[in-house]
Amino acid sequence: MNESVFILSSIQKKMDENTNMQTIMKAVAGLTVFTVFFCSFNKADTMKLAWIISMPLIVILFIFDSYYIKRNKECEFKIYRFEVEELNKKIKTAEIMGEVLPDVILDRKIIKPAQEVSLPIVYYAVMPVSDILVYIILIY
């Protein structure tokens, strides 16, 4: 029992770390957007510099965000596999002992997490392209 609690708590800890990192990245993205918005009230040169700095930063944030989403899906799948293994162990142990398990355990539905959908690279190009278009419009 202690081993199963340890395994589940370590997986949950990874998921919490992923959630914290995603929150930090969203805060950085919000700060970047605010900076660009604030710089748009200043000189055109400052605004150009803000756009040049923000575009690669937003692309990097999108890539890291997808990485942490992928890690969360992996953790959910590990929990699913662990629950299936635990249920199979209970069933085998009950069969060996000649016990009859309650219907609640036998009818238990373990919901399989959604399989990861890998996004095409075009998804990551949407935001930078829109940034570039706005940048071009503002320059001219």
N, C-alpha and C. Protein backbone atom coordinates (compact mmCIF):
# COMPACT_ATOMS: atom_id res chain seq x y z
N MET A 1 0.82 -1.20 0.00
CA MET A 1 0.00 0.00 0.00
C MET A 1 0.86 1.26 0.00
N ASN A 2 1.94 1.24 0.78
CA ASN A 2 2.82 2.40 0.83
C ASN A 2 3.46 2.67 -0.53
N GLU A 3 3.78 1.58 -1.24
CA GLU A 3 4.40 1.74 -2.56
C GLU A 3 3.43 2.42 -3.53
N SER A 4 2.18 2.01 -3.50
CA SER A 4 1.20 2.61 -4.41
C SER A 4 0.96 4.08 -4.08
N VAL A 5 0.92 4.41 -2.80
CA VAL A 5 0.76 5.81 -2.40
C VAL A 5 1.95 6.63 -2.87
N PHE A 6 3.15 6.07 -2.75
CA PHE A 6 4.36 6.76 -3.19
C PHE A 6 4.34 6.99 -4.70
N ILE A 7 3.96 5.98 -5.45
CA ILE A 7 3.91 6.11 -6.91
C ILE A 7 2.91 7.17 -7.33
N LEU A 8 1.71 7.11 -6.76
CA LEU A 8 0.69 8.10 -7.11
C LEU A 8 1.08 9.52 -6.69
N SER A 9 1.71 9.65 -5.53
CA SER A 9 2.11 10.99 -5.09
C SER A 9 3.24 11.55 -5.95
N SER A 10 4.15 10.69 -6.42
CA SER A 10 5.22 11.19 -7.30
C SER A 10 4.67 11.63 -8.65
N ILE A 11 3.70 10.89 -9.17
CA ILE A 11 3.08 11.29 -10.44
C ILE A 11 2.30 12.59 -10.25
N GLN A 12 1.59 12.69 -9.14
CA GLN A 12 0.82 13.92 -8.87
C GLN A 12 1.75 15.11 -8.71
N LYS A 13 2.93 14.89 -8.11
CA LYS A 13 3.91 15.97 -7.95
C LYS A 13 4.38 16.47 -9.31
N LYS A 14 4.63 15.54 -10.25
CA LYS A 14 5.03 15.94 -11.60
C LYS A 14 3.94 16.76 -12.27
N MET A 15 2.69 16.33 -12.09
CA MET A 15 1.58 17.07 -12.70
C MET A 15 1.45 18.47 -12.10
N ASP A 16 1.68 18.59 -10.80
CA ASP A 16 1.63 19.91 -10.16
C ASP A 16 2.74 20.81 -10.67
N GLU A 17 3.95 20.24 -10.85
CA GLU A 17 5.06 21.02 -11.39
C GLU A 17 4.74 21.51 -12.80
N ASN A 18 4.15 20.64 -13.61
CA ASN A 18 3.76 21.04 -14.96
C ASN A 18 2.75 22.18 -14.93
N THR A 19 1.78 22.07 -14.04
CA THR A 19 0.76 23.12 -13.93
C THR A 19 1.38 24.44 -13.49
N ASN A 20 2.31 24.38 -12.55
CA ASN A 20 2.99 25.59 -12.09
C ASN A 20 3.80 26.23 -13.21
N MET A 21 4.50 25.41 -13.99
CA MET A 21 5.28 25.95 -15.10
C MET A 21 4.38 26.58 -16.16
N GLN A 22 3.25 25.95 -16.44
CA GLN A 22 2.32 26.53 -17.41
C GLN A 22 1.78 27.87 -16.91
N THR A 23 1.53 27.98 -15.62
CA THR A 23 1.05 29.24 -15.05
C THR A 23 2.10 30.33 -15.18
N ILE A 24 3.35 29.98 -14.91
CA ILE A 24 4.44 30.95 -15.05
C ILE A 24 4.57 31.40 -16.50
N MET A 25 4.48 30.46 -17.44
CA MET A 25 4.60 30.82 -18.85
C MET A 25 3.46 31.73 -19.30
N LYS A 26 2.26 31.47 -18.80
CA LYS A 26 1.13 32.34 -19.16
C LYS A 26 1.32 33.74 -18.58
N ALA A 27 1.90 33.82 -17.39
CA ALA A 27 2.17 35.12 -16.80
C ALA A 27 3.21 35.88 -17.62
N VAL A 28 4.24 35.18 -18.08
CA VAL A 28 5.26 35.81 -18.93
C VAL A 28 4.65 36.28 -20.24
N ALA A 29 3.78 35.45 -20.83
CA ALA A 29 3.12 35.85 -22.08
C ALA A 29 2.25 37.08 -21.85
N GLY A 30 1.53 37.13 -20.74
CA GLY A 30 0.71 38.30 -20.43
C GLY A 30 1.56 39.54 -20.23
N LEU A 31 2.70 39.38 -19.57
CA LEU A 31 3.62 40.49 -19.37
C LEU A 31 4.17 40.98 -20.70
N THR A 32 4.46 40.05 -21.59
CA THR A 32 4.97 40.41 -22.91
C THR A 32 3.92 41.21 -23.69
N VAL A 33 2.69 40.73 -23.67
CA VAL A 33 1.62 41.45 -24.38
C VAL A 33 1.42 42.83 -23.77
N PHE A 34 1.46 42.93 -22.45
CA PHE A 34 1.31 44.22 -21.79
C PHE A 34 2.45 45.16 -22.18
N THR A 35 3.68 44.63 -22.24
CA THR A 35 4.84 45.44 -22.61
C THR A 35 4.69 45.98 -24.03
N VAL A 36 4.27 45.12 -24.95
CA VAL A 36 4.07 45.57 -26.33
C VAL A 36 2.97 46.63 -26.38
N PHE A 37 1.90 46.41 -25.65
CA PHE A 37 0.81 47.38 -25.62
C PHE A 37 1.28 48.71 -25.04
N PHE A 38 2.07 48.66 -23.96
CA PHE A 38 2.58 49.88 -23.34
C PHE A 38 3.54 50.60 -24.27
N CYS A 39 4.40 49.83 -24.95
CA CYS A 39 5.36 50.44 -25.86
C CYS A 39 4.69 51.04 -27.09
N SER A 40 3.48 50.60 -27.40
CA SER A 40 2.81 51.15 -28.57
C SER A 40 2.41 52.61 -28.35
N PHE A 41 2.38 53.06 -27.10
CA PHE A 41 2.08 54.46 -26.83
C PHE A 41 3.33 55.34 -26.95
N ASN A 42 4.48 54.73 -27.02
CA ASN A 42 5.73 55.47 -27.10
C ASN A 42 6.16 55.63 -28.55
N LYS A 43 7.42 55.91 -28.72
CA LYS A 43 7.96 56.12 -30.07
C LYS A 43 7.88 54.85 -30.90
N ALA A 44 7.91 55.04 -32.19
CA ALA A 44 7.81 53.90 -33.12
C ALA A 44 9.00 52.97 -32.98
N ASP A 45 10.19 53.51 -32.70
CA ASP A 45 11.38 52.67 -32.58
C ASP A 45 11.25 51.71 -31.39
N THR A 46 10.72 52.21 -30.30
CA THR A 46 10.53 51.37 -29.12
C THR A 46 9.53 50.26 -29.41
N MET A 47 8.50 50.62 -30.16
CA MET A 47 7.47 49.64 -30.49
C MET A 47 8.03 48.56 -31.40
N LYS A 48 8.84 48.95 -32.36
CA LYS A 48 9.46 47.95 -33.25
C LYS A 48 10.32 46.99 -32.44
N LEU A 49 11.10 47.53 -31.53
CA LEU A 49 11.95 46.69 -30.70
C LEU A 49 11.12 45.74 -29.84
N ALA A 50 10.02 46.24 -29.30
CA ALA A 50 9.16 45.39 -28.47
C ALA A 50 8.57 44.25 -29.29
N TRP A 51 8.15 44.53 -30.52
CA TRP A 51 7.61 43.47 -31.37
C TRP A 51 8.69 42.46 -31.74
N ILE A 52 9.88 42.95 -32.04
CA ILE A 52 10.98 42.05 -32.41
C ILE A 52 11.33 41.13 -31.25
N ILE A 53 11.30 41.65 -30.04
CA ILE A 53 11.61 40.83 -28.87
C ILE A 53 10.47 39.88 -28.54
N SER A 54 9.23 40.35 -28.69
CA SER A 54 8.09 39.54 -28.25
C SER A 54 7.79 38.37 -29.16
N MET A 55 8.03 38.51 -30.46
CA MET A 55 7.66 37.42 -31.38
C MET A 55 8.39 36.11 -31.08
N PRO A 56 9.72 36.12 -30.98
CA PRO A 56 10.39 34.85 -30.64
C PRO A 56 10.01 34.34 -29.25
N LEU A 57 9.79 35.25 -28.31
CA LEU A 57 9.42 34.85 -26.96
C LEU A 57 8.07 34.13 -26.94
N ILE A 58 7.11 34.65 -27.69
CA ILE A 58 5.80 34.01 -27.74
C ILE A 58 5.88 32.64 -28.41
N VAL A 59 6.70 32.53 -29.46
CA VAL A 59 6.88 31.22 -30.12
C VAL A 59 7.47 30.22 -29.14
N ILE A 60 8.49 30.64 -28.40
CA ILE A 60 9.12 29.74 -27.42
C ILE A 60 8.11 29.34 -26.34
N LEU A 61 7.28 30.27 -25.90
CA LEU A 61 6.27 29.95 -24.89
C LEU A 61 5.26 28.94 -25.41
N PHE A 62 4.85 29.07 -26.68
CA PHE A 62 3.93 28.09 -27.25
C PHE A 62 4.55 26.70 -27.28
N ILE A 63 5.83 26.63 -27.67
CA ILE A 63 6.50 25.33 -27.75
C ILE A 63 6.60 24.69 -26.36
N PHE A 64 7.02 25.47 -25.36
CA PHE A 64 7.13 24.92 -24.01
C PHE A 64 5.77 24.54 -23.44
N ASP A 65 4.74 25.33 -23.76
CA ASP A 65 3.40 25.01 -23.27
C ASP A 65 2.94 23.67 -23.83
N SER A 66 3.20 23.42 -25.10
CA SER A 66 2.81 22.13 -25.68
C SER A 66 3.60 20.99 -25.04
N TYR A 67 4.87 21.26 -24.68
CA TYR A 67 5.69 20.25 -24.02
C TYR A 67 5.09 19.87 -22.66
N TYR A 68 4.66 20.87 -21.89
CA TYR A 68 4.09 20.58 -20.57
C TYR A 68 2.72 19.93 -20.68
N ILE A 69 1.95 20.27 -21.71
CA ILE A 69 0.68 19.58 -21.94
C ILE A 69 0.95 18.11 -22.23
N LYS A 70 1.98 17.84 -23.04
CA LYS A 70 2.34 16.45 -23.36
C LYS A 70 2.75 15.70 -22.09
N ARG A 71 3.54 16.35 -21.23
CA ARG A 71 3.95 15.70 -19.98
C ARG A 71 2.76 15.41 -19.08
N ASN A 72 1.79 16.30 -19.03
CA ASN A 72 0.59 16.04 -18.22
C ASN A 72 -0.17 14.84 -18.75
N LYS A 73 -0.27 14.73 -20.08
CA LYS A 73 -0.96 13.58 -20.68
C LYS A 73 -0.23 12.28 -20.33
N GLU A 74 1.11 12.31 -20.36
CA GLU A 74 1.88 11.13 -19.99
C GLU A 74 1.62 10.74 -18.53
N CYS A 75 1.56 11.72 -17.65
CA CYS A 75 1.29 11.44 -16.23
C CYS A 75 -0.11 10.86 -16.05
N GLU A 76 -1.09 11.41 -16.76
CA GLU A 76 -2.45 10.86 -16.67
C GLU A 76 -2.48 9.42 -17.15
N PHE A 77 -1.72 9.12 -18.20
CA PHE A 77 -1.68 7.76 -18.72
C PHE A 77 -1.00 6.81 -17.74
N LYS A 78 0.05 7.29 -17.04
CA LYS A 78 0.71 6.47 -16.02
C LYS A 78 -0.26 6.13 -14.89
N ILE A 79 -1.05 7.12 -14.48
CA ILE A 79 -2.04 6.87 -13.43
C ILE A 79 -3.06 5.85 -13.91
N TYR A 80 -3.48 5.96 -15.15
CA TYR A 80 -4.44 5.00 -15.72
C TYR A 80 -3.86 3.59 -15.70
N ARG A 81 -2.62 3.44 -16.19
CA ARG A 81 -1.98 2.11 -16.19
C ARG A 81 -1.84 1.57 -14.78
N PHE A 82 -1.48 2.43 -13.84
CA PHE A 82 -1.32 2.01 -12.46
C PHE A 82 -2.65 1.51 -11.88
N GLU A 83 -3.74 2.23 -12.15
CA GLU A 83 -5.05 1.80 -11.65
C GLU A 83 -5.46 0.46 -12.26
N VAL A 84 -5.18 0.27 -13.54
CA VAL A 84 -5.51 -0.99 -14.20
C VAL A 84 -4.71 -2.13 -13.57
N GLU A 85 -3.41 -1.91 -13.34
CA GLU A 85 -2.57 -2.94 -12.72
C GLU A 85 -3.06 -3.28 -11.31
N GLU A 86 -3.42 -2.27 -10.53
CA GLU A 86 -3.91 -2.51 -9.17
C GLU A 86 -5.21 -3.31 -9.19
N LEU A 87 -6.11 -2.98 -10.11
CA LEU A 87 -7.37 -3.71 -10.21
C LEU A 87 -7.13 -5.15 -10.61
N ASN A 88 -6.21 -5.36 -11.56
CA ASN A 88 -5.88 -6.74 -11.98
C ASN A 88 -5.25 -7.53 -10.84
N LYS A 89 -4.41 -6.88 -10.02
CA LYS A 89 -3.82 -7.56 -8.87
C LYS A 89 -4.90 -7.99 -7.87
N LYS A 90 -5.86 -7.10 -7.63
CA LYS A 90 -6.96 -7.44 -6.70
C LYS A 90 -7.75 -8.62 -7.22
N ILE A 91 -8.04 -8.62 -8.51
CA ILE A 91 -8.82 -9.71 -9.09
C ILE A 91 -8.06 -11.03 -9.01
N LYS A 92 -6.75 -11.02 -9.35
CA LYS A 92 -5.94 -12.24 -9.30
C LYS A 92 -5.81 -12.76 -7.87
N THR A 93 -5.59 -11.84 -6.94
CA THR A 93 -5.47 -12.24 -5.54
C THR A 93 -6.77 -12.87 -5.05
N ALA A 94 -7.88 -12.28 -5.44
CA ALA A 94 -9.18 -12.83 -5.03
C ALA A 94 -9.41 -14.20 -5.64
N GLU A 95 -8.99 -14.39 -6.89
CA GLU A 95 -9.15 -15.70 -7.54
C GLU A 95 -8.31 -16.76 -6.86
N ILE A 96 -7.08 -16.39 -6.49
CA ILE A 96 -6.19 -17.34 -5.81
C ILE A 96 -6.75 -17.72 -4.44
N MET A 97 -7.27 -16.74 -3.72
CA MET A 97 -7.79 -16.98 -2.38
C MET A 97 -9.18 -17.61 -2.41
N GLY A 98 -9.80 -17.63 -3.57
CA GLY A 98 -11.13 -18.19 -3.68
C GLY A 98 -12.22 -17.26 -3.16
N GLU A 99 -11.90 -15.98 -3.08
CA GLU A 99 -12.87 -15.01 -2.59
C GLU A 99 -13.71 -14.48 -3.75
N VAL A 100 -14.85 -13.99 -3.40
CA VAL A 100 -15.73 -13.36 -4.39
C VAL A 100 -15.66 -11.86 -4.17
N LEU A 101 -15.24 -11.16 -5.20
CA LEU A 101 -15.14 -9.71 -5.09
C LEU A 101 -16.52 -9.07 -5.23
N PRO A 102 -16.74 -7.98 -4.55
CA PRO A 102 -18.02 -7.28 -4.71
C PRO A 102 -18.18 -6.76 -6.14
N ASP A 103 -19.42 -6.65 -6.56
CA ASP A 103 -19.69 -6.17 -7.91
C ASP A 103 -19.16 -4.76 -8.13
N VAL A 104 -19.04 -4.00 -7.07
CA VAL A 104 -18.54 -2.63 -7.19
C VAL A 104 -17.13 -2.62 -7.77
N ILE A 105 -16.29 -3.55 -7.33
CA ILE A 105 -14.92 -3.62 -7.83
C ILE A 105 -14.89 -4.19 -9.23
N LEU A 106 -15.67 -5.22 -9.47
CA LEU A 106 -15.66 -5.85 -10.79
C LEU A 106 -16.26 -4.96 -11.87
N ASP A 107 -17.25 -4.16 -11.51
CA ASP A 107 -17.90 -3.28 -12.48
C ASP A 107 -17.24 -1.92 -12.59
N ARG A 108 -16.15 -1.74 -11.88
CA ARG A 108 -15.50 -0.43 -11.86
C ARG A 108 -15.02 -0.07 -13.25
N LYS A 109 -15.36 1.12 -13.66
CA LYS A 109 -14.94 1.61 -14.97
C LYS A 109 -13.74 2.54 -14.76
N ILE A 110 -12.65 2.18 -15.37
CA ILE A 110 -11.48 3.04 -15.32
C ILE A 110 -11.46 3.81 -16.63
N ILE A 111 -11.58 5.11 -16.52
CA ILE A 111 -11.66 5.94 -17.72
C ILE A 111 -10.26 6.14 -18.28
N LYS A 112 -10.11 5.75 -19.51
CA LYS A 112 -8.82 5.91 -20.17
C LYS A 112 -8.66 7.36 -20.58
N PRO A 113 -7.49 7.96 -20.29
CA PRO A 113 -7.30 9.36 -20.68
C PRO A 113 -7.26 9.50 -22.19
N ALA A 114 -7.58 10.68 -22.65
CA ALA A 114 -7.58 10.94 -24.09
C ALA A 114 -6.17 10.79 -24.63
N GLN A 115 -6.08 10.15 -25.77
CA GLN A 115 -4.77 10.00 -26.40
C GLN A 115 -4.29 11.37 -26.88
N GLU A 116 -3.01 11.54 -26.83
CA GLU A 116 -2.44 12.82 -27.21
C GLU A 116 -2.60 13.04 -28.71
N VAL A 117 -3.02 14.21 -29.05
CA VAL A 117 -3.13 14.58 -30.45
C VAL A 117 -1.95 15.49 -30.74
N SER A 118 -1.07 15.03 -31.60
CA SER A 118 0.09 15.85 -31.92
C SER A 118 -0.34 16.92 -32.91
N LEU A 119 -0.04 18.15 -32.56
CA LEU A 119 -0.44 19.27 -33.39
C LEU A 119 0.58 19.49 -34.49
N PRO A 120 0.12 19.84 -35.67
CA PRO A 120 1.06 20.09 -36.76
C PRO A 120 1.86 21.36 -36.48
N ILE A 121 2.98 21.48 -37.14
CA ILE A 121 3.85 22.63 -36.95
C ILE A 121 3.15 23.92 -37.37
N VAL A 122 2.13 23.80 -38.21
CA VAL A 122 1.37 24.98 -38.64
C VAL A 122 0.72 25.66 -37.44
N TYR A 123 0.34 24.86 -36.44
CA TYR A 123 -0.28 25.42 -35.24
C TYR A 123 0.66 26.41 -34.56
N TYR A 124 1.94 26.10 -34.54
CA TYR A 124 2.90 26.98 -33.88
C TYR A 124 3.24 28.19 -34.73
N ALA A 125 2.89 28.16 -36.00
CA ALA A 125 3.19 29.27 -36.89
C ALA A 125 2.07 30.30 -36.91
N VAL A 126 0.90 29.98 -36.40
CA VAL A 126 -0.24 30.89 -36.48
C VAL A 126 0.03 32.17 -35.70
N MET A 127 0.47 32.05 -34.47
CA MET A 127 0.69 33.24 -33.64
C MET A 127 1.80 34.12 -34.19
N PRO A 128 2.98 33.58 -34.55
CA PRO A 128 4.03 34.45 -35.09
C PRO A 128 3.61 35.13 -36.39
N VAL A 129 2.86 34.43 -37.24
CA VAL A 129 2.43 35.03 -38.50
C VAL A 129 1.51 36.21 -38.23
N SER A 130 0.59 36.05 -37.28
CA SER A 130 -0.30 37.17 -36.96
C SER A 130 0.49 38.33 -36.36
N ASP A 131 1.52 38.03 -35.56
CA ASP A 131 2.38 39.09 -35.03
C ASP A 131 3.08 39.83 -36.15
N ILE A 132 3.60 39.09 -37.11
CA ILE A 132 4.32 39.71 -38.22
C ILE A 132 3.38 40.60 -39.04
N LEU A 133 2.16 40.12 -39.28
CA LEU A 133 1.20 40.93 -40.04
C LEU A 133 0.87 42.23 -39.32
N VAL A 134 0.65 42.16 -38.02
CA VAL A 134 0.38 43.38 -37.25
C VAL A 134 1.59 44.29 -37.28
N TYR A 135 2.77 43.72 -37.17
CA TYR A 135 4.01 44.49 -37.20
C TYR A 135 4.15 45.23 -38.53
N ILE A 136 3.89 44.54 -39.63
CA ILE A 136 3.99 45.15 -40.96
C ILE A 136 2.96 46.27 -41.11
N ILE A 137 1.75 46.02 -40.64
CA ILE A 137 0.70 47.05 -40.74
C ILE A 137 1.08 48.29 -39.94
N LEU A 138 1.65 48.09 -38.76
CA LEU A 138 2.00 49.23 -37.92
C LEU A 138 3.20 50.01 -38.45
N ILE A 139 4.10 49.33 -39.14
CA ILE A 139 5.27 50.03 -39.69
C ILE A 139 4.84 50.94 -40.84
N TYR A 140 3.98 50.41 -41.70
CA TYR A 140 3.59 51.17 -42.89
C TYR A 140 2.31 51.86 -42.60
